[in-house]
Amino acid sequence: MTKSISMTSTITVIIATILAFTLIAFADTAFAAKPSSCATIQSGTITDSSGNPLTVGYDQFGYNYQAHMFNGTYDSSDRNIDGTYWGSTGDYVDDSLIMKWSDAWLANVDCNGDGKLDRGLVDGVVGGTSKGWLTNEVNGDYDSDGDGIQDAHYTWFVKIVWVGPGGSLWGEYEIIQEVYNDPVGGFHGLQFKVGAPGFGLNDRWTQ
C-alpha cells in the first residue's frame, strides 16, 4: 500500500493479527480446572479451530505450537493462504511476521480435556484467559511515493503482557515495548518502553 507508514496504522494491523491469532488458537472456551493428566500434541487428540489434528514442528501456515512460535506472513497467519489477510488485500499481506508467546499465553498441552491447547495454564490450573506474554516482529517493504515500486523498508517489534483487569488493551493487557524502524517514514528505534527490564514489573508478566 502507498504510505509513509504511520505508527497508528501499523499498530492497528499488528493488533488485528494478535487478536486473530487469539481466536485461531483458542477456538473453544476453557474454564478453570485442575487437570488429572494433560494430552500433548504428540497424542494426536488436540485439534485446531477447523478440527484438524495439530502436529509437532511447523505446519504449512508457519505455526509451531510445540515451540510457542509462528514464523510466516500476514497472509498465512489467518490459516488461509490466499493472498489476503482475513479477506483484506494490501501491500502488508506478504510482510514477514514472527510471533512468540509464553506457556501461560498458550500452552502446548490440553489439560482440561476440551481437545484444544490451553490458555492461562498457570500452576496446573487452566484459567481460560491468556496470561504471560506475546511478542510480534514484522519485517516488510512498501511503496513510499506511489510509483508502484516498493522502495522503503520497515521493521516493527512489540511486547504485550497480561496485567489483569484494567489493562488498556482488550481490558487485561498492555503493550510494554515498541521498536519501530522506518527511515523513509522518519521512525528510528525504540518508540516506547515500560521502565523495567524483560517483560514487566511483576511476576504475572513473566510467566
C-alpha atoms as a PDB file:
ATOM      1  CA  MET A   1       0.000   0.000   0.000  1.00  0.00           C
ATOM      2  CA  THR A   2       1.185   3.536  -0.654  1.00  0.00           C
ATOM      3  CA  LYS A   3       2.212   5.117   2.596  1.00  0.00           C
ATOM      4  CA  SER A   4       4.747   6.912   4.594  1.00  0.00           C
ATOM      5  CA  ILE A   5       3.921   4.223   7.071  1.00  0.00           C
ATOM      6  CA  SER A   6       2.322   5.633  10.212  1.00  0.00           C
ATOM      7  CA  MET A   7       2.731   4.214  13.678  1.00  0.00           C
ATOM      8  CA  THR A   8      -1.031   4.212  14.125  1.00  0.00           C
ATOM      9  CA  SER A   9      -1.791   2.183  11.013  1.00  0.00           C
ATOM     10  CA  THR A  10       0.983  -0.275  11.780  1.00  0.00           C
ATOM     11  CA  ILE A  11      -0.222  -0.827  15.333  1.00  0.00           C
ATOM     12  CA  THR A  12      -3.776  -1.349  14.082  1.00  0.00           C
ATOM     13  CA  VAL A  13      -2.659  -4.093  11.712  1.00  0.00           C
ATOM     14  CA  ILE A  14      -0.479  -5.792  14.312  1.00  0.00           C
ATOM     15  CA  ILE A  15      -3.156  -5.730  16.980  1.00  0.00           C
ATOM     16  CA  ALA A  16      -5.587  -7.223  14.490  1.00  0.00           C
ATOM     17  CA  THR A  17      -3.126 -10.037  13.872  1.00  0.00           C
ATOM     18  CA  ILE A  18      -2.716 -10.675  17.582  1.00  0.00           C
ATOM     19  CA  LEU A  19      -6.474 -10.807  18.030  1.00  0.00           C
ATOM     20  CA  ALA A  20      -6.838 -13.122  15.044  1.00  0.00           C
ATOM     21  CA  PHE A  21      -4.114 -15.358  16.449  1.00  0.00           C
ATOM     22  CA  THR A  22      -6.001 -15.491  19.738  1.00  0.00           C
ATOM     23  CA  LEU A  23      -9.215 -16.540  18.035  1.00  0.00           C
ATOM     24  CA  ILE A  24      -7.499 -19.165  15.895  1.00  0.00           C
ATOM     25  CA  ALA A  25      -5.552 -20.717  18.716  1.00  0.00           C
ATOM     26  CA  PHE A  26      -8.223 -20.856  21.355  1.00  0.00           C
ATOM     27  CA  ALA A  27     -11.404 -21.700  19.448  1.00  0.00           C
ATOM     28  CA  ASP A  28     -13.325 -23.159  22.415  1.00  0.00           C
ATOM     29  CA  THR A  29     -13.957 -21.577  25.803  1.00  0.00           C
ATOM     30  CA  ALA A  30     -11.914 -23.036  28.636  1.00  0.00           C
ATOM     31  CA  PHE A  31     -12.849 -22.965  32.309  1.00  0.00           C
ATOM     32  CA  ALA A  32     -10.717 -23.150  35.415  1.00  0.00           C
ATOM     33  CA  ALA A  33      -9.947 -26.739  36.306  1.00  0.00           C
ATOM     34  CA  LYS A  34      -7.228 -28.783  37.954  1.00  0.00           C
ATOM     35  CA  PRO A  35      -6.079 -31.398  35.429  1.00  0.00           C
ATOM     36  CA  SER A  36      -5.533 -35.032  36.352  1.00  0.00           C
ATOM     37  CA  SER A  37      -3.450 -35.509  33.209  1.00  0.00           C
ATOM     38  CA  CYS A  38      -2.639 -33.481  30.135  1.00  0.00           C
ATOM     39  CA  ALA A  39      -2.786 -34.516  26.484  1.00  0.00           C
ATOM     40  CA  THR A  40       0.152 -33.492  24.310  1.00  0.00           C
ATOM     41  CA  ILE A  41       0.325 -32.508  20.661  1.00  0.00           C
ATOM     42  CA  GLN A  42       2.055 -35.829  20.015  1.00  0.00           C
ATOM     43  CA  SER A  43      -1.064 -37.661  21.209  1.00  0.00           C
ATOM     44  CA  GLY A  44      -2.998 -36.550  18.120  1.00  0.00           C
ATOM     45  CA  THR A  45      -6.077 -35.595  20.154  1.00  0.00           C
ATOM     46  CA  ILE A  46      -5.557 -31.805  20.086  1.00  0.00           C
ATOM     47  CA  THR A  47      -7.060 -30.016  17.084  1.00  0.00           C
ATOM     48  CA  ASP A  48      -7.066 -26.548  15.541  1.00  0.00           C
ATOM     49  CA  SER A  49     -10.153 -24.383  15.039  1.00  0.00           C
ATOM     50  CA  SER A  50     -11.089 -26.385  11.928  1.00  0.00           C
ATOM     51  CA  GLY A  51     -10.842 -29.735  13.690  1.00  0.00           C
ATOM     52  CA  ASN A  52      -7.520 -30.766  12.157  1.00  0.00           C
ATOM     53  CA  PRO A  53      -5.078 -32.551  14.492  1.00  0.00           C
ATOM     54  CA  LEU A  54      -2.089 -30.420  15.495  1.00  0.00           C
ATOM     55  CA  THR A  55       1.364 -31.810  14.797  1.00  0.00           C
ATOM     56  CA  VAL A  56       4.800 -31.003  16.192  1.00  0.00           C
ATOM     57  CA  GLY A  57       7.052 -28.728  14.163  1.00  0.00           C
ATOM     58  CA  TYR A  58       5.928 -26.026  11.777  1.00  0.00           C
ATOM     59  CA  ASP A  59       2.676 -26.512   9.908  1.00  0.00           C
ATOM     60  CA  GLN A  60       2.000 -25.227   6.384  1.00  0.00           C
ATOM     61  CA  PHE A  61       0.950 -21.835   7.738  1.00  0.00           C
ATOM     62  CA  GLY A  62       4.014 -21.232   9.919  1.00  0.00           C
ATOM     63  CA  TYR A  63       2.654 -22.177  13.351  1.00  0.00           C
ATOM     64  CA  ASN A  64       4.803 -24.293  15.662  1.00  0.00           C
ATOM     65  CA  TYR A  65       2.582 -24.735  18.701  1.00  0.00           C
ATOM     66  CA  GLN A  66       5.017 -27.092  20.403  1.00  0.00           C
ATOM     67  CA  ALA A  67       7.724 -24.398  20.360  1.00  0.00           C
ATOM     68  CA  HIS A  68       5.344 -21.466  21.047  1.00  0.00           C
ATOM     69  CA  MET A  69       6.177 -19.794  17.742  1.00  0.00           C
ATOM     70  CA  PHE A  70       4.758 -18.559  14.454  1.00  0.00           C
ATOM     71  CA  ASN A  71       7.025 -17.738  11.513  1.00  0.00           C
ATOM     72  CA  GLY A  72       5.181 -16.752   8.363  1.00  0.00           C
ATOM     73  CA  THR A  73       3.325 -13.808   6.843  1.00  0.00           C
ATOM     74  CA  TYR A  74       0.127 -11.908   7.489  1.00  0.00           C
ATOM     75  CA  ASP A  75      -1.409 -13.997   4.715  1.00  0.00           C
ATOM     76  CA  SER A  76      -0.594 -17.306   6.393  1.00  0.00           C
ATOM     77  CA  SER A  77      -1.368 -16.115   9.935  1.00  0.00           C
ATOM     78  CA  ASP A  78      -5.113 -16.445   9.276  1.00  0.00           C
ATOM     79  CA  ARG A  79      -4.501 -20.093   8.295  1.00  0.00           C
ATOM     80  CA  ASN A  80      -5.721 -19.466   4.743  1.00  0.00           C
ATOM     81  CA  ILE A  81      -3.008 -18.779   2.171  1.00  0.00           C
ATOM     82  CA  ASP A  82      -4.983 -16.866  -0.437  1.00  0.00           C
ATOM     83  CA  GLY A  83      -3.102 -13.600  -0.911  1.00  0.00           C
ATOM     84  CA  THR A  84      -5.245 -11.817   1.674  1.00  0.00           C
ATOM     85  CA  TYR A  85      -5.301 -11.236   5.417  1.00  0.00           C
ATOM     86  CA  TRP A  86      -8.769 -12.194   6.641  1.00  0.00           C
ATOM     87  CA  GLY A  87     -10.073 -11.195   3.197  1.00  0.00           C
ATOM     88  CA  SER A  88      -8.265  -7.850   3.128  1.00  0.00           C
ATOM     89  CA  THR A  89      -5.662  -7.036   0.500  1.00  0.00           C
ATOM     90  CA  GLY A  90      -2.741  -4.679   0.835  1.00  0.00           C
ATOM     91  CA  ASP A  91       0.983  -4.339   0.484  1.00  0.00           C
ATOM     92  CA  TYR A  92       1.477  -5.666   4.020  1.00  0.00           C
ATOM     93  CA  VAL A  93      -0.134  -9.062   3.342  1.00  0.00           C
ATOM     94  CA  ASP A  94       3.156 -10.668   2.300  1.00  0.00           C
ATOM     95  CA  ASP A  95       5.208  -8.991   5.035  1.00  0.00           C
ATOM     96  CA  SER A  96       7.113 -11.314   7.359  1.00  0.00           C
ATOM     97  CA  LEU A  97       5.518 -11.877  10.756  1.00  0.00           C
ATOM     98  CA  ILE A  98       7.087 -13.702  13.701  1.00  0.00           C
ATOM     99  CA  MET A  99       5.152 -14.314  16.911  1.00  0.00           C
ATOM    100  CA  LYS A 100       6.417 -15.872  20.135  1.00  0.00           C
ATOM    101  CA  TRP A 101       4.425 -16.489  23.297  1.00  0.00           C
ATOM    102  CA  SER A 102       4.787 -17.847  26.794  1.00  0.00           C
ATOM    103  CA  ASP A 103       3.287 -21.092  28.039  1.00  0.00           C
ATOM    104  CA  ALA A 104       0.775 -19.125  30.108  1.00  0.00           C
ATOM    105  CA  TRP A 105      -0.378 -17.332  26.954  1.00  0.00           C
ATOM    106  CA  LEU A 106      -0.939 -20.557  25.021  1.00  0.00           C
ATOM    107  CA  ALA A 107       0.305 -23.891  26.324  1.00  0.00           C
ATOM    108  CA  ASN A 108       1.301 -26.816  24.123  1.00  0.00           C
ATOM    109  CA  VAL A 109      -0.898 -29.231  26.084  1.00  0.00           C
ATOM    110  CA  ASP A 110      -4.593 -29.859  26.729  1.00  0.00           C
ATOM    111  CA  CYS A 111      -5.179 -30.302  30.450  1.00  0.00           C
ATOM    112  CA  ASN A 112      -8.933 -29.691  30.644  1.00  0.00           C
ATOM    113  CA  GLY A 113      -9.896 -32.270  28.031  1.00  0.00           C
ATOM    114  CA  ASP A 114     -11.595 -29.949  25.522  1.00  0.00           C
ATOM    115  CA  GLY A 115      -9.325 -31.041  22.671  1.00  0.00           C
ATOM    116  CA  LYS A 116      -7.730 -27.580  22.345  1.00  0.00           C
ATOM    117  CA  LEU A 117      -4.481 -26.061  23.561  1.00  0.00           C
ATOM    118  CA  ASP A 118      -4.923 -24.454  26.970  1.00  0.00           C
ATOM    119  CA  ARG A 119      -4.690 -20.749  27.617  1.00  0.00           C
ATOM    120  CA  GLY A 120      -3.948 -19.329  31.046  1.00  0.00           C
ATOM    121  CA  LEU A 121      -2.426 -22.583  32.299  1.00  0.00           C
ATOM    122  CA  VAL A 122      -0.689 -21.471  35.493  1.00  0.00           C
ATOM    123  CA  ASP A 123       0.318 -23.749  38.384  1.00  0.00           C
ATOM    124  CA  GLY A 124      -1.687 -26.616  36.929  1.00  0.00           C
ATOM    125  CA  VAL A 125      -4.911 -24.611  36.605  1.00  0.00           C
ATOM    126  CA  VAL A 126      -6.491 -23.765  33.241  1.00  0.00           C
ATOM    127  CA  GLY A 127      -7.889 -20.252  33.590  1.00  0.00           C
ATOM    128  CA  GLY A 128      -9.239 -19.780  30.064  1.00  0.00           C
ATOM    129  CA  THR A 129      -7.646 -16.338  29.592  1.00  0.00           C
ATOM    130  CA  SER A 130      -4.229 -15.876  28.030  1.00  0.00           C
ATOM    131  CA  LYS A 131      -1.689 -14.714  30.590  1.00  0.00           C
ATOM    132  CA  GLY A 132       2.063 -14.238  30.379  1.00  0.00           C
ATOM    133  CA  TRP A 133       3.334 -12.520  27.241  1.00  0.00           C
ATOM    134  CA  LEU A 134       3.258 -12.341  23.454  1.00  0.00           C
ATOM    135  CA  THR A 135       5.712 -10.697  21.042  1.00  0.00           C
ATOM    136  CA  ASN A 136       5.273  -9.710  17.397  1.00  0.00           C
ATOM    137  CA  GLU A 137       8.059  -8.911  14.940  1.00  0.00           C
ATOM    138  CA  VAL A 138       7.238  -7.583  11.468  1.00  0.00           C
ATOM    139  CA  ASN A 139       9.559  -7.074   8.507  1.00  0.00           C
ATOM    140  CA  GLY A 140       8.372  -5.615   5.215  1.00  0.00           C
ATOM    141  CA  ASP A 141       8.668  -3.234   2.280  1.00  0.00           C
ATOM    142  CA  TYR A 142       6.270  -0.639   0.920  1.00  0.00           C
ATOM    143  CA  ASP A 143       5.779   1.939  -1.818  1.00  0.00           C
ATOM    144  CA  SER A 144       6.537   5.284  -0.206  1.00  0.00           C
ATOM    145  CA  ASP A 145       5.751   7.592  -3.125  1.00  0.00           C
ATOM    146  CA  GLY A 146       3.049   5.880  -5.172  1.00  0.00           C
ATOM    147  CA  ASP A 147       5.193   4.972  -8.167  1.00  0.00           C
ATOM    148  CA  GLY A 148       4.458   1.257  -7.843  1.00  0.00           C
ATOM    149  CA  ILE A 149       7.912   0.336  -6.560  1.00  0.00           C
ATOM    150  CA  GLN A 150       8.477  -0.962  -3.038  1.00  0.00           C
ATOM    151  CA  ASP A 151      11.295   1.421  -2.234  1.00  0.00           C
ATOM    152  CA  ALA A 152      11.084   1.612   1.570  1.00  0.00           C
ATOM    153  CA  HIS A 153      11.661  -0.930   4.321  1.00  0.00           C
ATOM    154  CA  TYR A 154      10.322  -1.101   7.866  1.00  0.00           C
ATOM    155  CA  THR A 155      10.627  -3.320  10.922  1.00  0.00           C
ATOM    156  CA  TRP A 156       8.309  -3.331  13.910  1.00  0.00           C
ATOM    157  CA  PHE A 157       8.553  -5.154  17.229  1.00  0.00           C
ATOM    158  CA  VAL A 158       6.074  -5.146  20.116  1.00  0.00           C
ATOM    159  CA  LYS A 159       5.792  -6.834  23.523  1.00  0.00           C
ATOM    160  CA  ILE A 160       2.360  -7.447  25.025  1.00  0.00           C
ATOM    161  CA  VAL A 161       1.744  -8.736  28.556  1.00  0.00           C
ATOM    162  CA  TRP A 162      -1.253  -9.750  30.626  1.00  0.00           C
ATOM    163  CA  VAL A 163      -1.795  -7.391  33.555  1.00  0.00           C
ATOM    164  CA  GLY A 164      -5.275  -8.380  34.743  1.00  0.00           C
ATOM    165  CA  PRO A 165      -8.469  -6.280  34.792  1.00  0.00           C
ATOM    166  CA  GLY A 166      -7.953  -2.648  33.874  1.00  0.00           C
ATOM    167  CA  GLY A 167      -5.423  -3.069  31.088  1.00  0.00           C
ATOM    168  CA  SER A 168      -5.683  -0.603  28.209  1.00  0.00           C
ATOM    169  CA  LEU A 169      -5.590  -3.351  25.549  1.00  0.00           C
ATOM    170  CA  TRP A 170      -8.645  -5.655  25.470  1.00  0.00           C
ATOM    171  CA  GLY A 171      -9.237  -4.801  29.132  1.00  0.00           C
ATOM    172  CA  GLU A 172      -6.499  -7.069  30.526  1.00  0.00           C
ATOM    173  CA  TYR A 173      -3.312  -6.445  28.529  1.00  0.00           C
ATOM    174  CA  GLU A 174      -0.690  -3.767  27.976  1.00  0.00           C
ATOM    175  CA  ILE A 175       1.876  -3.034  25.291  1.00  0.00           C
ATOM    176  CA  ILE A 176       5.117  -2.609  27.229  1.00  0.00           C
ATOM    177  CA  GLN A 177       7.558  -2.054  24.382  1.00  0.00           C
ATOM    178  CA  GLU A 178       7.548  -0.880  20.763  1.00  0.00           C
ATOM    179  CA  VAL A 179      10.578  -0.748  18.492  1.00  0.00           C
ATOM    180  CA  TYR A 180       9.888   0.747  15.068  1.00  0.00           C
ATOM    181  CA  ASN A 181      12.368   1.416  12.278  1.00  0.00           C
ATOM    182  CA  ASP A 182      11.279   3.125   9.065  1.00  0.00           C
ATOM    183  CA  PRO A 183      13.929   5.565   7.783  1.00  0.00           C
ATOM    184  CA  VAL A 184      11.722   6.897   4.984  1.00  0.00           C
ATOM    185  CA  GLY A 185       8.837   7.450   7.390  1.00  0.00           C
ATOM    186  CA  GLY A 186      11.110   9.079   9.947  1.00  0.00           C
ATOM    187  CA  PHE A 187      10.978   6.425  12.679  1.00  0.00           C
ATOM    188  CA  HIS A 188      14.158   5.143  14.295  1.00  0.00           C
ATOM    189  CA  GLY A 189      14.373   2.530  17.043  1.00  0.00           C
ATOM    190  CA  LEU A 190      12.690   2.459  20.426  1.00  0.00           C
ATOM    191  CA  GLN A 191       9.333   4.252  20.491  1.00  0.00           C
ATOM    192  CA  PHE A 192       8.065   3.200  23.902  1.00  0.00           C
ATOM    193  CA  LYS A 193       9.126   1.010  26.818  1.00  0.00           C
ATOM    194  CA  VAL A 194       7.887   0.388  30.333  1.00  0.00           C
ATOM    195  CA  GLY A 195      10.658   1.289  32.774  1.00  0.00           C
ATOM    196  CA  ALA A 196      11.635  -2.266  33.660  1.00  0.00           C
ATOM    197  CA  PRO A 197      13.772  -4.986  32.067  1.00  0.00           C
ATOM    198  CA  GLY A 198      12.365  -8.081  30.410  1.00  0.00           C
ATOM    199  CA  PHE A 199       8.611  -8.497  30.312  1.00  0.00           C
ATOM    200  CA  GLY A 200       7.441  -6.177  33.028  1.00  0.00           C
ATOM    201  CA  LEU A 201       7.138  -5.146  36.620  1.00  0.00           C
ATOM    202  CA  ASN A 202       5.533  -8.114  38.356  1.00  0.00           C
ATOM    203  CA  ASP A 203       5.618 -11.880  38.365  1.00  0.00           C
ATOM    204  CA  ARG A 204       2.412 -12.220  36.386  1.00  0.00           C
ATOM    205  CA  TRP A 205       4.041 -10.706  33.331  1.00  0.00           C
ATOM    206  CA  THR A 206       6.959 -13.098  33.255  1.00  0.00           C
ATOM    207  CA  GLN A 207       5.117 -16.401  33.491  1.00  0.00           C
END
